[in-house]
């Protein structure tokens, strides 16, 4: 049996055997749901058709272009996240070309909005 120790969360003095008290225990990763469809990005429909066709059709970052900057696109993004919906995943009208910086910014914003929606803020 492990000895009781203070919770690892900064400033918490609750005693626990598991590293974190029940109040500060890290939540399980929410990546399980995405794991089901994340493999779609390695299918030939994506790697050999949708992605290269989109980058040929729209070689410049759409978001940078809105600001008058011409940046080579390297990422194909879903305008509306497909969230496991196959029809939305392969919908060519739902694709846009972005540079990595704009794609990372958009993804971070979507994830923040999703978290806020879960907490009810």
N, C-alpha and C. Protein backbone atom coordinates (compact mmCIF):
# COMPACT_ATOMS: atom_id res chain seq x y z
N UNK A 1 0.84 -1.17 0.00
CA UNK A 1 0.00 0.00 0.00
C UNK A 1 0.90 1.25 0.00
N UNK A 2 0.64 2.14 -0.93
CA UNK A 2 1.44 3.36 -1.04
C UNK A 2 1.12 4.32 0.09
N UNK A 3 2.12 5.09 0.51
CA UNK A 3 1.85 6.09 1.54
C UNK A 3 1.08 7.28 0.95
N UNK A 4 0.34 7.99 1.76
CA UNK A 4 -0.38 9.18 1.33
C UNK A 4 0.62 10.30 1.07
N UNK A 5 0.38 11.03 -0.02
CA UNK A 5 1.23 12.16 -0.39
C UNK A 5 0.32 13.31 -0.82
N UNK A 6 0.85 14.55 -0.78
CA UNK A 6 0.03 15.68 -1.26
C UNK A 6 -0.25 15.55 -2.76
N UNK A 7 -1.40 16.02 -3.14
CA UNK A 7 -1.80 16.05 -4.55
C UNK A 7 -0.74 16.80 -5.36
N UNK A 8 -0.48 16.36 -6.59
CA UNK A 8 0.52 17.00 -7.46
C UNK A 8 0.07 18.35 -8.02
N UNK A 9 -1.19 18.63 -7.92
CA UNK A 9 -1.70 19.91 -8.45
C UNK A 9 -1.13 21.05 -7.59
N UNK A 10 -0.57 22.09 -8.23
CA UNK A 10 0.02 23.19 -7.48
C UNK A 10 -0.96 23.81 -6.49
N UNK A 11 -0.54 23.90 -5.23
CA UNK A 11 -1.34 24.55 -4.21
C UNK A 11 -2.35 23.65 -3.52
N UNK A 12 -2.52 22.41 -3.98
CA UNK A 12 -3.48 21.50 -3.36
C UNK A 12 -2.76 20.67 -2.31
N UNK A 13 -3.32 20.62 -1.12
CA UNK A 13 -2.69 19.87 -0.03
C UNK A 13 -3.45 18.59 0.31
N UNK A 14 -4.43 18.23 -0.50
CA UNK A 14 -5.19 16.99 -0.26
C UNK A 14 -4.24 15.80 -0.36
N UNK A 15 -4.45 14.82 0.50
CA UNK A 15 -3.59 13.64 0.50
C UNK A 15 -4.19 12.55 -0.37
N UNK A 16 -3.32 11.89 -1.14
CA UNK A 16 -3.77 10.85 -2.06
C UNK A 16 -2.68 9.81 -2.26
N UNK A 17 -3.04 8.66 -2.77
CA UNK A 17 -2.07 7.62 -3.11
C UNK A 17 -1.83 7.56 -4.62
N UNK A 18 -2.62 8.29 -5.38
CA UNK A 18 -2.60 8.17 -6.84
C UNK A 18 -1.90 9.32 -7.57
N UNK A 19 -1.30 10.23 -6.89
CA UNK A 19 -0.65 11.36 -7.54
C UNK A 19 -1.50 12.62 -7.51
N UNK A 20 -2.76 12.49 -7.94
CA UNK A 20 -3.69 13.62 -7.91
C UNK A 20 -4.92 13.24 -7.09
N UNK A 21 -5.48 14.21 -6.41
CA UNK A 21 -6.73 13.96 -5.68
C UNK A 21 -7.87 13.84 -6.70
N UNK A 22 -9.04 13.41 -6.24
CA UNK A 22 -10.17 13.24 -7.16
C UNK A 22 -10.55 14.54 -7.86
N UNK A 23 -10.39 15.65 -7.17
CA UNK A 23 -10.75 16.95 -7.74
C UNK A 23 -9.82 17.35 -8.89
N UNK A 24 -8.53 16.98 -8.83
CA UNK A 24 -7.54 17.41 -9.83
C UNK A 24 -7.05 16.30 -10.74
N UNK A 25 -7.66 15.15 -10.65
CA UNK A 25 -7.24 14.02 -11.48
C UNK A 25 -7.43 14.39 -12.95
N UNK A 26 -6.37 14.20 -13.79
CA UNK A 26 -6.49 14.54 -15.22
C UNK A 26 -7.60 13.72 -15.87
N UNK A 27 -8.32 14.37 -16.75
CA UNK A 27 -9.39 13.70 -17.49
C UNK A 27 -8.79 12.81 -18.55
N UNK A 28 -9.45 11.71 -18.87
CA UNK A 28 -8.94 10.86 -19.95
C UNK A 28 -8.96 11.62 -21.26
N UNK A 29 -8.01 11.32 -22.12
CA UNK A 29 -7.91 12.02 -23.40
C UNK A 29 -9.18 11.82 -24.22
N UNK A 30 -9.61 12.88 -24.88
CA UNK A 30 -10.82 12.82 -25.70
C UNK A 30 -10.50 12.40 -27.13
N UNK A 31 -9.35 11.78 -27.34
CA UNK A 31 -8.94 11.41 -28.68
C UNK A 31 -9.50 10.07 -29.14
N UNK A 32 -10.15 9.33 -28.27
CA UNK A 32 -10.67 8.02 -28.64
C UNK A 32 -11.64 8.11 -29.80
N UNK A 33 -12.55 9.09 -29.75
CA UNK A 33 -13.53 9.23 -30.82
C UNK A 33 -12.86 9.57 -32.14
N UNK A 34 -11.85 10.42 -32.12
CA UNK A 34 -11.19 10.78 -33.36
C UNK A 34 -10.34 9.64 -33.89
N UNK A 35 -9.90 8.74 -33.01
CA UNK A 35 -9.07 7.63 -33.46
C UNK A 35 -9.80 6.75 -34.46
N UNK A 36 -11.12 6.69 -34.35
CA UNK A 36 -11.91 5.86 -35.25
C UNK A 36 -11.79 6.34 -36.70
N UNK A 37 -11.78 7.63 -36.89
CA UNK A 37 -11.76 8.15 -38.26
C UNK A 37 -10.43 8.79 -38.64
N UNK A 38 -9.50 8.89 -37.73
CA UNK A 38 -8.22 9.53 -38.06
C UNK A 38 -7.48 8.76 -39.16
N UNK A 39 -7.68 7.47 -39.22
CA UNK A 39 -7.05 6.65 -40.25
C UNK A 39 -7.52 6.98 -41.66
N UNK A 40 -8.63 7.68 -41.78
CA UNK A 40 -9.13 8.05 -43.11
C UNK A 40 -8.11 8.88 -43.87
N UNK A 41 -7.27 9.63 -43.15
CA UNK A 41 -6.29 10.48 -43.81
C UNK A 41 -5.16 9.67 -44.47
N UNK A 42 -5.10 8.37 -44.22
CA UNK A 42 -4.09 7.55 -44.88
C UNK A 42 -4.71 6.72 -46.01
N UNK A 43 -6.00 6.83 -46.23
CA UNK A 43 -6.66 6.12 -47.33
C UNK A 43 -6.30 6.77 -48.66
N UNK A 44 -6.30 5.96 -49.71
CA UNK A 44 -5.92 6.47 -51.03
C UNK A 44 -6.88 7.56 -51.53
N UNK A 45 -8.15 7.52 -51.12
CA UNK A 45 -9.08 8.56 -51.54
C UNK A 45 -8.59 9.93 -51.07
N UNK A 46 -7.90 9.98 -49.91
CA UNK A 46 -7.36 11.24 -49.41
C UNK A 46 -5.97 11.51 -49.99
N UNK A 47 -5.07 10.54 -49.87
CA UNK A 47 -3.67 10.76 -50.25
C UNK A 47 -3.46 10.87 -51.76
N UNK A 48 -4.26 10.15 -52.54
CA UNK A 48 -4.06 10.12 -53.99
C UNK A 48 -5.06 10.95 -54.78
N UNK A 49 -6.11 11.40 -54.13
CA UNK A 49 -7.15 12.13 -54.87
C UNK A 49 -7.50 13.47 -54.22
N UNK A 50 -8.18 13.45 -53.09
CA UNK A 50 -8.71 14.69 -52.51
C UNK A 50 -7.63 15.71 -52.18
N UNK A 51 -6.60 15.30 -51.43
CA UNK A 51 -5.57 16.24 -50.99
C UNK A 51 -4.79 16.84 -52.16
N UNK A 52 -4.18 16.01 -53.03
CA UNK A 52 -3.40 16.61 -54.12
C UNK A 52 -4.24 17.42 -55.10
N UNK A 53 -5.48 16.99 -55.34
CA UNK A 53 -6.35 17.73 -56.25
C UNK A 53 -6.67 19.10 -55.67
N UNK A 54 -6.96 19.16 -54.37
CA UNK A 54 -7.26 20.45 -53.72
C UNK A 54 -6.05 21.39 -53.78
N UNK A 55 -4.86 20.86 -53.51
CA UNK A 55 -3.66 21.71 -53.52
C UNK A 55 -3.33 22.20 -54.94
N UNK A 56 -3.66 21.42 -55.95
CA UNK A 56 -3.47 21.88 -57.33
C UNK A 56 -4.50 22.94 -57.70
N UNK A 57 -5.74 22.72 -57.26
CA UNK A 57 -6.82 23.66 -57.57
C UNK A 57 -6.63 24.99 -56.84
N UNK A 58 -6.13 24.93 -55.61
CA UNK A 58 -5.97 26.12 -54.78
C UNK A 58 -4.58 26.06 -54.10
N UNK A 59 -3.53 26.49 -54.82
CA UNK A 59 -2.16 26.34 -54.29
C UNK A 59 -1.77 27.36 -53.22
N UNK A 60 -2.58 28.39 -53.02
CA UNK A 60 -2.25 29.43 -52.04
C UNK A 60 -3.18 29.36 -50.84
N UNK A 61 -2.68 29.74 -49.70
CA UNK A 61 -3.45 29.71 -48.46
C UNK A 61 -4.63 30.67 -48.56
N UNK A 62 -5.80 30.16 -48.31
CA UNK A 62 -7.03 30.94 -48.41
C UNK A 62 -7.09 32.04 -47.34
N UNK A 63 -6.67 31.72 -46.12
CA UNK A 63 -6.72 32.70 -45.03
C UNK A 63 -5.70 33.82 -45.24
N UNK A 64 -4.49 33.48 -45.66
CA UNK A 64 -3.48 34.51 -45.94
C UNK A 64 -3.95 35.42 -47.07
N UNK A 65 -4.59 34.83 -48.08
CA UNK A 65 -5.08 35.61 -49.22
C UNK A 65 -6.10 36.65 -48.78
N UNK A 66 -6.90 36.34 -47.76
CA UNK A 66 -7.88 37.31 -47.25
C UNK A 66 -7.19 38.55 -46.69
N UNK A 67 -5.94 38.39 -46.23
CA UNK A 67 -5.17 39.51 -45.69
C UNK A 67 -4.24 40.12 -46.74
N UNK A 68 -4.35 39.65 -47.98
CA UNK A 68 -3.53 40.18 -49.05
C UNK A 68 -2.11 39.62 -49.09
N UNK A 69 -1.89 38.50 -48.42
CA UNK A 69 -0.57 37.86 -48.38
C UNK A 69 -0.62 36.58 -49.21
N UNK A 70 0.42 36.36 -49.98
CA UNK A 70 0.47 35.17 -50.83
C UNK A 70 1.41 34.15 -50.20
N UNK A 71 0.84 33.09 -49.63
CA UNK A 71 1.60 32.05 -48.95
C UNK A 71 1.24 30.70 -49.56
N UNK A 72 2.23 29.90 -49.85
CA UNK A 72 1.99 28.57 -50.43
C UNK A 72 1.24 27.70 -49.42
N UNK A 73 0.18 27.06 -49.88
CA UNK A 73 -0.61 26.16 -49.03
C UNK A 73 0.08 24.81 -48.96
N UNK A 74 0.10 24.23 -47.76
CA UNK A 74 0.69 22.91 -47.57
C UNK A 74 -0.28 21.94 -46.91
N UNK A 75 -1.42 22.45 -46.44
CA UNK A 75 -2.38 21.63 -45.71
C UNK A 75 -3.75 21.76 -46.36
N UNK A 76 -4.44 20.64 -46.49
CA UNK A 76 -5.82 20.65 -46.95
C UNK A 76 -6.70 20.49 -45.72
N UNK A 77 -7.59 21.44 -45.53
CA UNK A 77 -8.42 21.52 -44.33
C UNK A 77 -9.89 21.36 -44.68
N UNK A 78 -10.64 20.79 -43.76
CA UNK A 78 -12.10 20.74 -43.91
C UNK A 78 -12.66 22.05 -43.35
N UNK A 79 -13.37 22.80 -44.18
CA UNK A 79 -13.96 24.08 -43.77
C UNK A 79 -14.84 23.85 -42.54
N UNK A 80 -15.76 22.92 -42.64
CA UNK A 80 -16.59 22.48 -41.51
C UNK A 80 -16.03 21.13 -41.08
N UNK A 81 -15.60 20.99 -39.84
CA UNK A 81 -15.04 19.70 -39.39
C UNK A 81 -16.01 18.55 -39.66
N UNK A 82 -15.47 17.44 -40.17
CA UNK A 82 -16.33 16.31 -40.53
C UNK A 82 -16.74 15.47 -39.32
N UNK A 83 -15.94 15.46 -38.27
CA UNK A 83 -16.24 14.74 -37.02
C UNK A 83 -16.75 13.32 -37.26
N UNK A 84 -16.11 12.63 -38.20
CA UNK A 84 -16.45 11.23 -38.45
C UNK A 84 -17.55 11.02 -39.48
N UNK A 85 -18.04 12.08 -40.09
CA UNK A 85 -19.07 11.97 -41.13
C UNK A 85 -18.38 11.76 -42.48
N UNK A 86 -18.48 10.54 -43.02
CA UNK A 86 -17.78 10.20 -44.26
C UNK A 86 -18.19 11.11 -45.42
N UNK A 87 -19.46 11.39 -45.56
CA UNK A 87 -19.93 12.24 -46.66
C UNK A 87 -19.28 13.63 -46.58
N UNK A 88 -19.18 14.18 -45.39
CA UNK A 88 -18.55 15.49 -45.22
C UNK A 88 -17.04 15.39 -45.43
N UNK A 89 -16.43 14.26 -45.05
CA UNK A 89 -15.00 14.05 -45.22
C UNK A 89 -14.60 14.10 -46.69
N UNK A 90 -15.39 13.48 -47.56
CA UNK A 90 -15.02 13.42 -48.98
C UNK A 90 -15.65 14.53 -49.82
N UNK A 91 -16.42 15.40 -49.22
CA UNK A 91 -17.08 16.50 -49.93
C UNK A 91 -16.04 17.54 -50.38
N UNK A 92 -15.80 17.62 -51.68
CA UNK A 92 -14.78 18.54 -52.21
C UNK A 92 -15.12 20.01 -51.94
N UNK A 93 -16.39 20.34 -51.80
CA UNK A 93 -16.76 21.73 -51.53
C UNK A 93 -16.48 22.10 -50.07
N UNK A 94 -16.15 21.12 -49.25
CA UNK A 94 -15.85 21.37 -47.84
C UNK A 94 -14.35 21.44 -47.59
N UNK A 95 -13.55 21.49 -48.66
CA UNK A 95 -12.10 21.52 -48.52
C UNK A 95 -11.56 22.91 -48.84
N UNK A 96 -10.49 23.28 -48.15
CA UNK A 96 -9.78 24.53 -48.44
C UNK A 96 -8.29 24.29 -48.24
N UNK A 97 -7.49 25.05 -48.96
CA UNK A 97 -6.04 24.97 -48.83
C UNK A 97 -5.57 26.04 -47.86
N UNK A 98 -4.70 25.63 -46.92
CA UNK A 98 -4.17 26.56 -45.92
C UNK A 98 -2.67 26.31 -45.74
N UNK A 99 -1.97 27.33 -45.26
CA UNK A 99 -0.59 27.13 -44.83
C UNK A 99 -0.66 26.48 -43.44
N UNK A 100 0.42 25.88 -43.01
CA UNK A 100 0.41 25.19 -41.72
C UNK A 100 0.06 26.14 -40.57
N UNK A 101 0.57 27.35 -40.61
CA UNK A 101 0.30 28.31 -39.54
C UNK A 101 -1.19 28.62 -39.41
N UNK A 102 -1.84 28.88 -40.53
CA UNK A 102 -3.28 29.18 -40.49
C UNK A 102 -4.09 27.94 -40.09
N UNK A 103 -3.67 26.77 -40.56
CA UNK A 103 -4.37 25.54 -40.20
C UNK A 103 -4.27 25.28 -38.70
N UNK A 104 -3.07 25.45 -38.14
CA UNK A 104 -2.89 25.22 -36.70
C UNK A 104 -3.71 26.21 -35.88
N UNK A 105 -3.78 27.45 -36.34
CA UNK A 105 -4.58 28.47 -35.64
C UNK A 105 -6.06 28.10 -35.68
N UNK A 106 -6.54 27.70 -36.85
CA UNK A 106 -7.95 27.33 -37.01
C UNK A 106 -8.29 26.12 -36.14
N UNK A 107 -7.42 25.13 -36.14
CA UNK A 107 -7.66 23.92 -35.35
C UNK A 107 -7.69 24.24 -33.86
N UNK A 108 -6.76 25.07 -33.39
CA UNK A 108 -6.73 25.44 -31.98
C UNK A 108 -8.01 26.18 -31.60
N UNK A 109 -8.48 27.05 -32.48
CA UNK A 109 -9.71 27.81 -32.20
C UNK A 109 -10.92 26.86 -32.14
N UNK A 110 -10.99 25.89 -33.06
CA UNK A 110 -12.09 24.94 -33.05
C UNK A 110 -12.09 24.09 -31.78
N UNK A 111 -10.89 23.67 -31.36
CA UNK A 111 -10.80 22.86 -30.15
C UNK A 111 -11.19 23.67 -28.91
N UNK A 112 -10.80 24.94 -28.87
CA UNK A 112 -11.17 25.80 -27.75
C UNK A 112 -12.69 25.99 -27.70
N UNK A 113 -13.31 26.20 -28.86
CA UNK A 113 -14.76 26.36 -28.92
C UNK A 113 -15.46 25.07 -28.48
N UNK A 114 -14.91 23.94 -28.86
CA UNK A 114 -15.50 22.66 -28.48
C UNK A 114 -15.41 22.47 -26.97
N UNK A 115 -14.27 22.83 -26.38
CA UNK A 115 -14.12 22.73 -24.92
C UNK A 115 -15.08 23.67 -24.20
N UNK A 116 -15.22 24.89 -24.71
CA UNK A 116 -16.14 25.84 -24.08
C UNK A 116 -17.57 25.33 -24.15
N UNK A 117 -17.92 24.71 -25.26
CA UNK A 117 -19.26 24.15 -25.42
C UNK A 117 -19.54 23.04 -24.44
N UNK A 118 -18.53 22.25 -24.13
CA UNK A 118 -18.69 21.15 -23.18
C UNK A 118 -18.89 21.65 -21.76
N UNK A 119 -18.20 22.74 -21.42
CA UNK A 119 -18.28 23.25 -20.04
C UNK A 119 -19.51 24.13 -19.84
N UNK A 120 -20.21 24.48 -20.92
CA UNK A 120 -21.42 25.27 -20.79
C UNK A 120 -21.20 26.76 -20.66
N UNK A 121 -20.00 27.23 -20.99
CA UNK A 121 -19.72 28.68 -20.92
C UNK A 121 -20.29 29.43 -22.06
